[in-house]
Amino acid sequence: MSESSMQTLNVEYAIIGAGTSGLGAYSKISRKTDSLVMIQDGPYGTTCARVGCMPSKLLITAADHAHHLATSDFFGVPASGRVDGRKVLERLRRERDDRFVANNLRYVDKITAHHKLEGRARFIAPGRLRVGESVEVNAKKFILACGSRPVVNEVFEPVMARVLTSDTVFELEDLPRSIAVIGMGVIALELGQALHRLGVETTIYGRSGTINALTHPAMQQEALGSLATELDIYPSGQVMSTWEDAEGAWIEYEQSNGQRVTKVFDKVLVATGRVSNVDRLGMEHSGVEFTEAGVVTVDPQTMRCSGHPVFIAGDATDHLPVWHEAFDEGRIAADNALNYPEAVPAQRRPPLMVFFTDPQIAIIGQSFRQLEGQEIVIGDLPFTSPRHVVWNKIQGRIQVYLDARTGVILGAELLGYQAEHLAHLLALAITHSMTAEQVLSMPIYHPSAEELLRDVLIDAREKRRRYLITLADHAITTV
């Protein structure tokens, strides 16, 4: 296309991406100026609504209902049922599209038309973008909120016709007879367990032998053991080769002990992580600096790239790929773009991550790995509160990490039924730098899951008391 037919937009702010972080940035900047454009490549609707948080929870909820039927005999309530895969997936897409995606689209529709531009954006020079083949955008400040995409290793190329990712699995018309799930992160474990409970023959293949997020060895062992009682898991090894024939997709997997396992599946769900879409933006022309490894560095307190008026937010960064973090980062990036070149360092919220497996996994604040070697005490108990006994859900463990000197709660790792609720209470305590003693001053109803939180904090308090006595005795002996 000739330069003369190129449309040029001159704005102060360009936001690439209309997902959670991009919309968070837009909501801030649009209140201050009309000189902005938000560029979207592909259909509107956030990763969370289309292929992430919401459709996965819709699938998990259906699986939970099937599991309740399968385990109801324990409670003296014999029950039976049949999973209708087509109806499960139809209901999932209906709720996703008509409720969660539709809510997002209604918001996008209200955005001023001249603030929206559709097409693939890429830098052609510092301060200059090419969008599609017919529009050039000149901007003073850029917020890159372009999201991420699934990673599929080349070893799966021979069976790509049967490969699913988190971006495509929810488009299935019916549940497959069997599926291989590659990975042991949040997507792999949530969807793998849900598919298993819906009657799909499911095998999960890990690489490192560990479950993503949990860091204390006892928590890792407990989680893997708990999930392995229900699921067919090969935790440690690698996929050596794949091929397809009339029977399906064959996977040859070598375990870490050298033994090889070969199985055939209808489908293969590759859930080994996602990669930032920033690499598709022609960053080499943007003027930002790269590390020796070719990575763009981002300050997590400002979301700014190495002093330049370029900011990266949401799943496009290497930070936690969760909704509230993406929204926060979009607004942090917007604040710093609005105040550039002055920095507005943000007070980040304590990290919070929840796996909606059964038992659930939750990590709050600083992990054991981050605190290891520091002066901490660990409250540590099994998930056996009276309420959990009533539910017949006693699998799991809870660990809470206290500063040994002050008693302030620093972090926690949880594995247990409805851990999400205890995790949020702990997140509130950590946000406000509360001590175990302060949390213990609140009333706890009996019987409730929160009794477990009380008991583990009492355990930590007693360990801290003994620790301080030992310190004092050591000080006297030294003198």
Protein backbone atom coordinates (compact mmCIF):
# COMPACT_ATOMS: atom_id res chain seq x y z
CA MET A 1 0.00 0.00 0.00
CA SER A 2 1.34 3.46 -0.88
CA GLU A 3 2.22 5.97 1.84
CA SER A 4 -0.38 8.36 0.42
CA SER A 5 -3.22 5.92 1.11
CA MET A 6 -2.07 5.26 4.67
CA GLN A 7 -4.35 6.66 7.36
CA THR A 8 -2.43 8.32 10.20
CA LEU A 9 -3.64 8.77 13.77
CA ASN A 10 -1.79 11.08 16.12
CA VAL A 11 -2.56 10.45 19.80
CA GLU A 12 -0.88 10.82 23.12
CA TYR A 13 -1.68 7.30 24.33
CA ALA A 14 -1.91 3.98 22.47
CA ILE A 15 -3.16 0.89 24.30
CA ILE A 16 -2.55 -2.42 22.53
CA GLY A 17 -5.09 -4.97 23.73
CA ALA A 18 -8.66 -4.71 25.03
CA GLY A 19 -8.49 -7.46 27.62
CA THR A 20 -8.66 -7.09 31.39
CA SER A 21 -5.46 -5.03 31.73
CA GLY A 22 -6.09 -2.99 28.59
CA LEU A 23 -9.58 -2.06 29.75
CA GLY A 24 -8.21 -1.24 33.20
CA ALA A 25 -5.73 1.15 31.60
CA TYR A 26 -8.39 2.62 29.31
CA SER A 27 -10.76 3.35 32.19
CA LYS A 28 -8.10 5.50 33.85
CA ILE A 29 -6.67 7.29 30.84
CA SER A 30 -10.01 8.04 29.17
CA ARG A 31 -11.05 10.06 32.21
CA LYS A 32 -8.09 12.38 31.67
CA THR A 33 -7.88 12.79 27.92
CA ASP A 34 -9.56 12.12 24.59
CA SER A 35 -6.21 11.67 22.88
CA LEU A 36 -5.97 7.89 22.98
CA VAL A 37 -6.66 4.78 20.97
CA MET A 38 -7.17 1.17 22.06
CA ILE A 39 -6.10 -1.38 19.46
CA GLN A 40 -7.57 -4.89 19.48
CA ASP A 41 -6.40 -7.81 17.35
CA GLY A 42 -9.19 -10.37 17.04
CA PRO A 43 -12.56 -10.63 18.78
CA TYR A 44 -13.27 -8.60 21.90
CA GLY A 45 -13.79 -10.43 25.19
CA THR A 46 -11.12 -11.05 27.79
CA THR A 47 -9.01 -14.19 28.19
CA CYS A 48 -10.75 -14.69 31.54
CA ALA A 49 -14.23 -14.63 30.02
CA ARG A 50 -13.54 -16.48 26.77
CA VAL A 51 -10.94 -19.16 27.51
CA GLY A 52 -9.83 -18.79 31.12
CA CYS A 53 -11.41 -18.32 34.53
CA MET A 54 -15.08 -18.53 33.63
CA PRO A 55 -15.39 -21.42 31.13
CA SER A 56 -13.01 -23.53 33.20
CA LYS A 57 -15.12 -22.99 36.34
CA LEU A 58 -18.27 -23.83 34.38
CA LEU A 59 -16.69 -27.14 33.37
CA ILE A 60 -15.44 -27.80 36.91
CA THR A 61 -18.91 -27.16 38.36
CA ALA A 62 -20.46 -29.73 36.04
CA ALA A 63 -17.73 -32.17 37.04
CA ASP A 64 -18.40 -31.50 40.73
CA HIS A 65 -22.06 -32.44 40.25
CA ALA A 66 -21.04 -35.70 38.57
CA HIS A 67 -18.58 -36.41 41.40
CA HIS A 68 -21.21 -35.76 44.08
CA LEU A 69 -23.41 -38.40 42.45
CA ALA A 70 -20.54 -40.87 42.25
CA THR A 71 -19.65 -40.45 45.94
CA SER A 72 -23.11 -40.00 47.48
CA ASP A 73 -23.26 -43.57 48.82
CA PHE A 74 -20.97 -42.52 51.67
CA PHE A 75 -23.73 -40.30 53.02
CA GLY A 76 -26.41 -42.99 52.70
CA VAL A 77 -27.89 -41.36 49.62
CA PRO A 78 -27.45 -43.79 46.72
CA ALA A 79 -27.61 -41.94 43.44
CA SER A 80 -26.72 -42.43 39.82
CA GLY A 81 -26.58 -40.30 36.76
CA ARG A 82 -25.26 -40.11 33.22
CA VAL A 83 -23.00 -37.41 31.86
CA ASP A 84 -24.28 -35.92 28.62
CA GLY A 85 -21.12 -34.39 27.20
CA ARG A 86 -22.89 -32.39 24.54
CA LYS A 87 -25.20 -30.77 27.09
CA VAL A 88 -22.30 -30.06 29.45
CA LEU A 89 -20.42 -28.20 26.72
CA GLU A 90 -23.51 -26.51 25.29
CA ARG A 91 -24.37 -25.14 28.73
CA LEU A 92 -20.76 -24.03 29.23
CA ARG A 93 -20.69 -22.06 25.98
CA ARG A 94 -24.16 -20.62 26.55
CA GLU A 95 -23.27 -19.28 30.00
CA ARG A 96 -19.88 -18.09 28.79
CA ASP A 97 -21.14 -16.32 25.68
CA ASP A 98 -24.48 -14.99 26.89
CA ARG A 99 -23.32 -13.92 30.34
CA PHE A 100 -19.59 -13.43 30.84
CA VAL A 101 -18.40 -12.52 27.34
CA ALA A 102 -21.62 -10.57 26.70
CA ASN A 103 -21.05 -8.45 29.81
CA ASN A 104 -17.59 -7.60 28.53
CA LEU A 105 -18.88 -6.79 25.05
CA ARG A 106 -21.55 -4.50 26.46
CA TYR A 107 -18.82 -2.54 28.21
CA VAL A 108 -16.71 -2.38 25.05
CA ASP A 109 -19.72 -1.22 23.01
CA LYS A 110 -20.04 1.81 25.28
CA ILE A 111 -16.49 2.92 24.51
CA THR A 112 -16.28 5.92 22.20
CA ALA A 113 -15.96 4.68 18.60
CA HIS A 114 -12.91 6.81 17.71
CA HIS A 115 -11.05 5.32 20.69
CA LYS A 116 -11.24 1.81 19.15
CA LEU A 117 -9.10 0.44 16.35
CA GLU A 118 -9.01 -3.16 15.15
CA GLY A 119 -6.02 -4.94 13.62
CA ARG A 120 -2.59 -6.41 14.37
CA ALA A 121 -0.26 -3.72 15.74
CA ARG A 122 3.52 -3.69 15.41
CA PHE A 123 6.20 -1.08 15.97
CA ILE A 124 7.88 0.31 12.89
CA ALA A 125 9.92 2.93 14.78
CA PRO A 126 10.03 4.45 18.28
CA GLY A 127 6.68 6.14 18.81
CA ARG A 128 5.17 4.64 15.64
CA LEU A 129 2.86 1.68 15.10
CA ARG A 130 1.53 0.05 11.96
CA VAL A 131 -1.95 -1.42 12.51
CA GLY A 132 -2.95 -3.86 9.83
CA GLU A 133 -1.78 -2.58 6.46
CA SER A 134 -3.59 0.73 6.25
CA VAL A 135 -3.24 2.63 9.53
CA GLU A 136 -0.27 4.24 11.20
CA VAL A 137 -0.49 5.35 14.82
CA ASN A 138 1.90 7.94 16.20
CA ALA A 139 1.79 8.07 20.00
CA LYS A 140 3.86 9.49 22.83
CA LYS A 141 3.13 6.69 25.30
CA PHE A 142 2.27 3.03 24.81
CA ILE A 143 0.64 0.44 27.04
CA LEU A 144 1.18 -3.10 25.79
CA ALA A 145 -1.64 -5.24 27.16
CA CYS A 146 -1.64 -7.74 24.33
CA GLY A 147 -2.08 -10.88 26.41
CA SER A 148 -0.54 -14.30 25.86
CA ARG A 149 -1.00 -17.49 23.86
CA PRO A 150 -0.58 -21.21 24.64
CA VAL A 151 2.77 -22.87 24.03
CA VAL A 152 2.75 -26.11 22.05
CA ASN A 153 6.05 -27.98 21.79
CA GLU A 154 7.10 -29.15 18.34
CA VAL A 155 7.02 -32.77 19.55
CA PHE A 156 3.24 -32.61 19.14
CA GLU A 157 3.33 -31.56 15.46
CA PRO A 158 2.55 -35.10 14.20
CA VAL A 159 -0.73 -35.11 16.19
CA MET A 160 -1.75 -31.45 15.83
CA ALA A 161 -5.13 -32.46 14.38
CA ARG A 162 -5.97 -33.87 17.82
CA VAL A 163 -4.22 -31.25 19.96
CA LEU A 164 -6.26 -28.92 22.16
CA THR A 165 -5.14 -25.93 24.21
CA SER A 166 -6.94 -23.81 26.78
CA ASP A 167 -7.89 -21.57 23.83
CA THR A 168 -9.69 -24.38 21.97
CA VAL A 169 -10.80 -27.04 24.46
CA PHE A 170 -14.08 -25.28 25.27
CA GLU A 171 -15.12 -25.39 21.60
CA LEU A 172 -15.46 -29.19 21.65
CA GLU A 173 -18.94 -30.32 20.60
CA ASP A 174 -18.76 -33.41 22.80
CA LEU A 175 -16.46 -34.88 25.41
CA PRO A 176 -13.77 -37.20 23.98
CA ARG A 177 -13.50 -40.82 25.10
CA SER A 178 -9.92 -40.29 26.28
CA ILE A 179 -7.47 -37.42 26.66
CA ALA A 180 -3.81 -36.88 27.51
CA VAL A 181 -3.17 -33.74 29.55
CA ILE A 182 0.34 -32.38 29.20
CA GLY A 183 1.48 -30.31 32.17
CA MET A 184 0.86 -30.01 35.91
CA GLY A 185 0.09 -26.32 36.27
CA VAL A 186 -3.25 -24.78 37.15
CA ILE A 187 -4.86 -25.27 33.72
CA ALA A 188 -3.70 -28.87 33.38
CA LEU A 189 -4.82 -29.96 36.84
CA GLU A 190 -8.15 -28.11 36.86
CA LEU A 191 -9.23 -29.29 33.42
CA GLY A 192 -7.67 -32.74 33.77
CA GLN A 193 -9.56 -33.50 36.98
CA ALA A 194 -12.80 -32.03 35.61
CA LEU A 195 -12.63 -34.14 32.44
CA HIS A 196 -11.86 -37.24 34.49
CA ARG A 197 -14.90 -36.64 36.71
CA LEU A 198 -17.05 -36.20 33.62
CA GLY A 199 -16.11 -39.69 32.49
CA VAL A 200 -13.21 -38.99 30.12
CA GLU A 201 -10.30 -41.45 30.45
CA THR A 202 -7.65 -38.95 31.48
CA THR A 203 -3.89 -39.29 31.90
CA ILE A 204 -1.77 -36.39 33.13
CA TYR A 205 1.88 -36.09 32.12
CA GLY A 206 4.19 -33.83 34.12
CA ARG A 207 7.79 -32.84 33.59
CA SER A 208 9.42 -31.70 36.82
CA GLY A 209 7.58 -33.98 39.25
CA THR A 210 6.19 -31.00 41.13
CA ILE A 211 2.89 -29.17 41.12
CA ASN A 212 3.22 -25.56 40.09
CA ALA A 213 2.93 -22.95 42.90
CA LEU A 214 3.31 -25.06 46.07
CA THR A 215 6.90 -24.81 47.33
CA HIS A 216 7.21 -26.60 50.69
CA PRO A 217 8.33 -30.22 50.14
CA ALA A 218 5.65 -31.57 52.49
CA MET A 219 2.95 -29.60 50.67
CA GLN A 220 4.22 -30.82 47.31
CA GLN A 221 4.20 -34.42 48.45
CA GLU A 222 0.76 -34.12 50.02
CA ALA A 223 -0.73 -32.50 46.90
CA LEU A 224 0.72 -35.01 44.47
CA GLY A 225 -0.30 -37.94 46.66
CA SER A 226 -3.82 -36.61 47.12
CA LEU A 227 -4.45 -36.01 43.42
CA ALA A 228 -2.81 -39.29 42.43
CA THR A 229 -5.37 -41.24 44.48
CA GLU A 230 -7.96 -40.15 41.93
CA LEU A 231 -6.06 -39.30 38.76
CA ASP A 232 -3.70 -41.24 36.51
CA ILE A 233 -0.56 -39.08 36.82
CA TYR A 234 2.96 -39.52 35.52
CA PRO A 235 4.59 -36.61 37.37
CA SER A 236 8.16 -36.62 36.14
CA GLY A 237 9.57 -37.18 32.65
CA GLN A 238 9.14 -35.99 29.08
CA VAL A 239 7.22 -36.73 25.91
CA MET A 240 9.70 -38.38 23.55
CA SER A 241 7.57 -38.72 20.42
CA THR A 242 4.03 -38.65 19.08
CA TRP A 243 2.30 -40.07 16.03
CA GLU A 244 -1.23 -40.53 14.73
CA ASP A 245 -3.02 -43.48 13.20
CA ALA A 246 -6.60 -44.72 12.94
CA GLU A 247 -6.70 -45.41 16.70
CA GLY A 248 -5.83 -41.85 17.66
CA ALA A 249 -2.88 -39.84 18.92
CA TRP A 250 -0.05 -41.95 20.34
CA ILE A 251 2.22 -40.52 23.03
CA GLU A 252 5.54 -42.06 23.98
CA TYR A 253 6.59 -40.73 27.39
CA GLU A 254 9.83 -41.45 29.24
CA GLN A 255 9.58 -41.30 33.02
CA SER A 256 12.45 -39.87 35.06
CA ASN A 257 13.40 -43.42 36.06
CA GLY A 258 13.95 -44.30 32.41
CA GLN A 259 10.83 -46.40 31.93
CA ARG A 260 8.77 -45.60 28.85
CA VAL A 261 4.99 -45.52 28.63
CA THR A 262 3.12 -45.50 25.31
CA LYS A 263 -0.62 -44.81 25.15
CA VAL A 264 -3.18 -43.73 22.58
CA PHE A 265 -5.78 -40.98 23.07
CA ASP A 266 -8.66 -39.35 21.23
CA LYS A 267 -7.39 -35.88 22.16
CA VAL A 268 -4.28 -34.25 23.63
CA LEU A 269 -4.64 -31.16 25.82
CA VAL A 270 -1.33 -29.29 25.89
CA ALA A 271 -1.30 -27.09 28.99
CA THR A 272 2.38 -26.40 29.52
CA GLY A 273 2.12 -22.63 29.87
CA ARG A 274 1.56 -19.50 27.84
CA VAL A 275 3.93 -17.06 26.19
CA SER A 276 3.56 -13.29 25.98
CA ASN A 277 2.32 -11.81 22.70
CA VAL A 278 4.81 -8.95 23.09
CA ASP A 279 7.16 -10.86 20.77
CA ARG A 280 4.69 -10.19 17.92
CA LEU A 281 4.85 -6.41 18.26
CA GLY A 282 8.16 -5.73 16.52
CA MET A 283 9.75 -4.60 19.77
CA GLU A 284 13.15 -4.36 18.12
CA HIS A 285 11.82 -1.18 16.46
CA SER A 286 10.30 0.30 19.62
CA GLY A 287 13.49 1.75 21.09
CA VAL A 288 13.25 -0.18 24.38
CA GLU A 289 16.25 -2.02 25.75
CA PHE A 290 16.65 -5.78 25.88
CA THR A 291 18.60 -8.04 28.24
CA GLU A 292 21.35 -10.30 26.91
CA ALA A 293 18.72 -13.05 26.75
CA GLY A 294 16.63 -10.85 24.45
CA VAL A 295 13.96 -10.09 27.05
CA VAL A 296 12.33 -6.71 27.60
CA THR A 297 12.69 -5.74 31.26
CA VAL A 298 9.66 -4.39 33.12
CA ASP A 299 9.61 -2.68 36.51
CA PRO A 300 6.77 -4.41 38.44
CA GLN A 301 6.19 -1.28 40.53
CA THR A 302 5.57 0.98 37.51
CA MET A 303 5.13 -1.52 34.58
CA ARG A 304 7.59 0.67 32.64
CA CYS A 305 10.18 -0.67 30.21
CA SER A 306 13.70 0.53 31.05
CA GLY A 307 12.93 4.24 31.32
CA HIS A 308 11.00 4.51 28.04
CA PRO A 309 7.36 5.66 27.67
CA VAL A 310 6.40 2.03 27.00
CA PHE A 311 4.51 0.00 29.62
CA ILE A 312 3.58 -3.69 29.69
CA ALA A 313 0.66 -5.05 31.71
CA GLY A 314 -1.40 -8.17 32.33
CA ASP A 315 -0.64 -11.59 30.86
CA ALA A 316 1.89 -9.94 28.55
CA THR A 317 4.23 -9.77 31.58
CA ASP A 318 5.80 -12.67 33.48
CA HIS A 319 3.84 -11.80 36.62
CA LEU A 320 0.92 -13.83 38.00
CA PRO A 321 -1.51 -14.51 35.11
CA VAL A 322 -4.65 -13.91 37.15
CA TRP A 323 -7.56 -11.51 36.69
CA HIS A 324 -7.02 -9.17 39.63
CA GLU A 325 -3.31 -8.83 38.87
CA ALA A 326 -4.02 -8.03 35.21
CA PHE A 327 -6.56 -5.35 36.16
CA ASP A 328 -4.17 -3.86 38.74
CA GLU A 329 -1.30 -3.79 36.27
CA GLY A 330 -3.40 -2.04 33.65
CA ARG A 331 -4.21 0.73 36.12
CA ILE A 332 -0.61 0.92 37.38
CA ALA A 333 0.60 1.26 33.80
CA ALA A 334 -2.03 3.96 33.16
CA ASP A 335 -1.00 5.95 36.24
CA ASN A 336 2.62 5.89 35.19
CA ALA A 337 1.83 6.72 31.58
CA LEU A 338 -0.24 9.70 32.72
CA ASN A 339 2.57 10.92 34.99
CA TYR A 340 5.49 10.10 32.70
CA PRO A 341 8.40 10.78 33.13
CA GLU A 342 7.69 10.91 36.87
CA ALA A 343 7.35 7.41 38.34
CA VAL A 344 4.37 6.47 40.48
CA PRO A 345 5.54 3.25 42.21
CA ALA A 346 2.59 1.10 43.16
CA GLN A 347 2.06 -0.77 46.37
CA ARG A 348 1.33 -4.20 44.93
CA ARG A 349 -1.24 -6.42 46.61
CA PRO A 350 0.02 -9.60 48.28
CA PRO A 351 0.18 -12.44 45.75
CA LEU A 352 -2.86 -14.73 45.78
CA MET A 353 -3.30 -17.81 43.60
CA VAL A 354 -6.03 -20.47 43.78
CA PHE A 355 -6.24 -23.78 41.91
CA PHE A 356 -9.87 -24.96 41.69
CA THR A 357 -8.90 -28.59 41.93
CA ASP A 358 -10.33 -30.91 44.60
CA PRO A 359 -8.69 -30.50 47.04
CA GLN A 360 -8.06 -26.86 46.19
CA ILE A 361 -4.57 -25.37 46.21
CA ALA A 362 -3.95 -21.82 47.38
CA ILE A 363 -0.82 -19.72 47.86
CA ILE A 364 -0.92 -16.35 49.64
CA GLY A 365 1.80 -13.80 50.31
CA GLN A 366 5.36 -15.07 50.44
CA SER A 367 5.91 -18.75 49.74
CA PHE A 368 8.03 -21.13 51.81
CA ARG A 369 10.71 -21.01 49.11
CA GLN A 370 10.91 -17.22 49.38
CA LEU A 371 11.08 -17.35 53.18
CA GLU A 372 13.36 -20.35 53.55
CA GLY A 373 16.43 -19.48 55.63
CA GLN A 374 14.73 -16.53 57.32
CA GLU A 375 13.55 -16.41 60.94
CA ILE A 376 10.08 -17.89 60.54
CA VAL A 377 7.87 -20.36 62.34
CA ILE A 378 5.46 -22.61 60.50
CA GLY A 379 1.96 -23.41 61.68
CA ASP A 380 1.27 -26.80 60.12
CA LEU A 381 -1.87 -28.96 60.38
CA PRO A 382 -3.83 -31.49 58.31
CA PHE A 383 -7.16 -30.38 56.83
CA THR A 384 -9.20 -32.17 59.47
CA SER A 385 -11.47 -29.58 61.07
CA PRO A 386 -14.82 -30.93 62.35
CA ARG A 387 -16.48 -29.25 59.36
CA HIS A 388 -14.19 -31.06 56.93
CA VAL A 389 -14.93 -34.36 58.69
CA VAL A 390 -18.65 -33.68 58.20
CA TRP A 391 -18.02 -33.01 54.50
CA ASN A 392 -15.85 -36.15 54.26
CA LYS A 393 -13.15 -33.89 52.84
CA ILE A 394 -10.12 -34.42 55.06
CA GLN A 395 -7.45 -34.58 52.37
CA GLY A 396 -4.86 -31.84 52.50
CA ARG A 397 -2.71 -29.65 54.67
CA ILE A 398 -2.34 -26.02 55.70
CA GLN A 399 0.88 -24.15 56.46
CA VAL A 400 1.04 -20.56 57.70
CA TYR A 401 4.37 -18.71 57.90
CA LEU A 402 4.96 -16.18 60.69
CA ASP A 403 7.81 -13.80 61.31
CA ALA A 404 9.38 -15.49 64.34
CA ARG A 405 10.27 -12.18 66.00
CA THR A 406 7.05 -10.21 65.48
CA GLY A 407 4.37 -12.82 64.87
CA VAL A 408 3.28 -11.07 61.66
CA ILE A 409 1.73 -13.42 59.08
CA LEU A 410 3.98 -13.47 55.99
CA GLY A 411 2.45 -16.12 53.78
CA ALA A 412 0.68 -19.46 53.55
CA GLU A 413 0.31 -22.55 51.40
CA LEU A 414 -2.96 -24.51 51.49
CA LEU A 415 -4.22 -27.78 50.11
CA GLY A 416 -7.78 -28.65 51.05
CA TYR A 417 -11.50 -28.50 50.41
CA GLN A 418 -12.75 -24.90 50.02
CA ALA A 419 -9.24 -23.57 50.72
CA GLU A 420 -10.18 -20.49 48.64
CA HIS A 421 -12.11 -19.02 51.58
CA LEU A 422 -9.37 -19.49 54.18
CA ALA A 423 -6.93 -18.08 51.62
CA HIS A 424 -8.90 -14.87 51.34
CA LEU A 425 -9.00 -14.43 55.12
CA LEU A 426 -5.23 -14.89 55.19
CA ALA A 427 -4.84 -12.47 52.27
CA LEU A 428 -6.76 -9.86 54.25
CA ALA A 429 -4.52 -10.43 57.27
CA ILE A 430 -1.35 -10.19 55.19
CA THR A 431 -2.59 -7.06 53.41
CA HIS A 432 -2.92 -5.32 56.76
CA SER A 433 0.30 -6.79 58.27
CA MET A 434 -1.67 -8.54 60.99
CA THR A 435 -0.13 -10.84 63.56
CA ALA A 436 -1.44 -14.28 64.37
CA GLU A 437 -2.61 -12.93 67.72
CA GLN A 438 -4.69 -10.24 66.02
CA VAL A 439 -6.42 -12.73 63.72
CA LEU A 440 -7.08 -15.02 66.67
CA SER A 441 -9.04 -12.23 68.36
CA MET A 442 -11.91 -12.59 65.86
CA PRO A 443 -14.84 -14.93 66.63
CA ILE A 444 -14.88 -18.33 64.91
CA TYR A 445 -18.16 -20.19 64.57
CA HIS A 446 -18.42 -23.91 65.35
CA PRO A 447 -18.40 -25.98 63.26
CA SER A 448 -16.86 -24.09 60.37
CA ALA A 449 -13.87 -24.43 58.07
CA GLU A 450 -12.46 -21.31 59.70
CA GLU A 451 -11.74 -23.35 62.82
CA LEU A 452 -8.85 -24.82 60.88
CA LEU A 453 -7.40 -21.34 60.41
CA ARG A 454 -7.73 -20.70 64.13
CA ASP A 455 -6.04 -23.98 65.00
CA VAL A 456 -3.11 -23.54 62.64
CA LEU A 457 -2.48 -20.03 63.97
CA ILE A 458 -2.56 -21.41 67.54
CA ASP A 459 -0.01 -24.01 66.41
CA ALA A 460 2.18 -21.27 64.92
CA ARG A 461 1.80 -19.10 68.05
CA GLU A 462 2.95 -21.95 70.29
CA LYS A 463 5.97 -22.64 68.06
CA ARG A 464 6.85 -18.95 68.12
CA ARG A 465 6.58 -18.90 71.92
CA ARG A 466 9.04 -21.79 72.17
CA TYR A 467 11.32 -20.14 69.62
CA LEU A 468 11.45 -16.90 71.63
CA ILE A 469 12.17 -18.83 74.86
CA THR A 470 15.03 -20.61 73.10
CA LEU A 471 16.39 -17.26 71.87
CA ALA A 472 16.22 -15.80 75.35
CA ASP A 473 17.93 -18.84 76.90
CA HIS A 474 20.64 -18.63 74.27
CA ALA A 475 21.18 -14.93 74.99
CA ILE A 476 21.52 -15.64 78.76
CA THR A 477 23.95 -18.49 78.08
CA THR A 478 26.01 -16.31 75.79
CA VAL A 479 26.25 -13.56 78.39
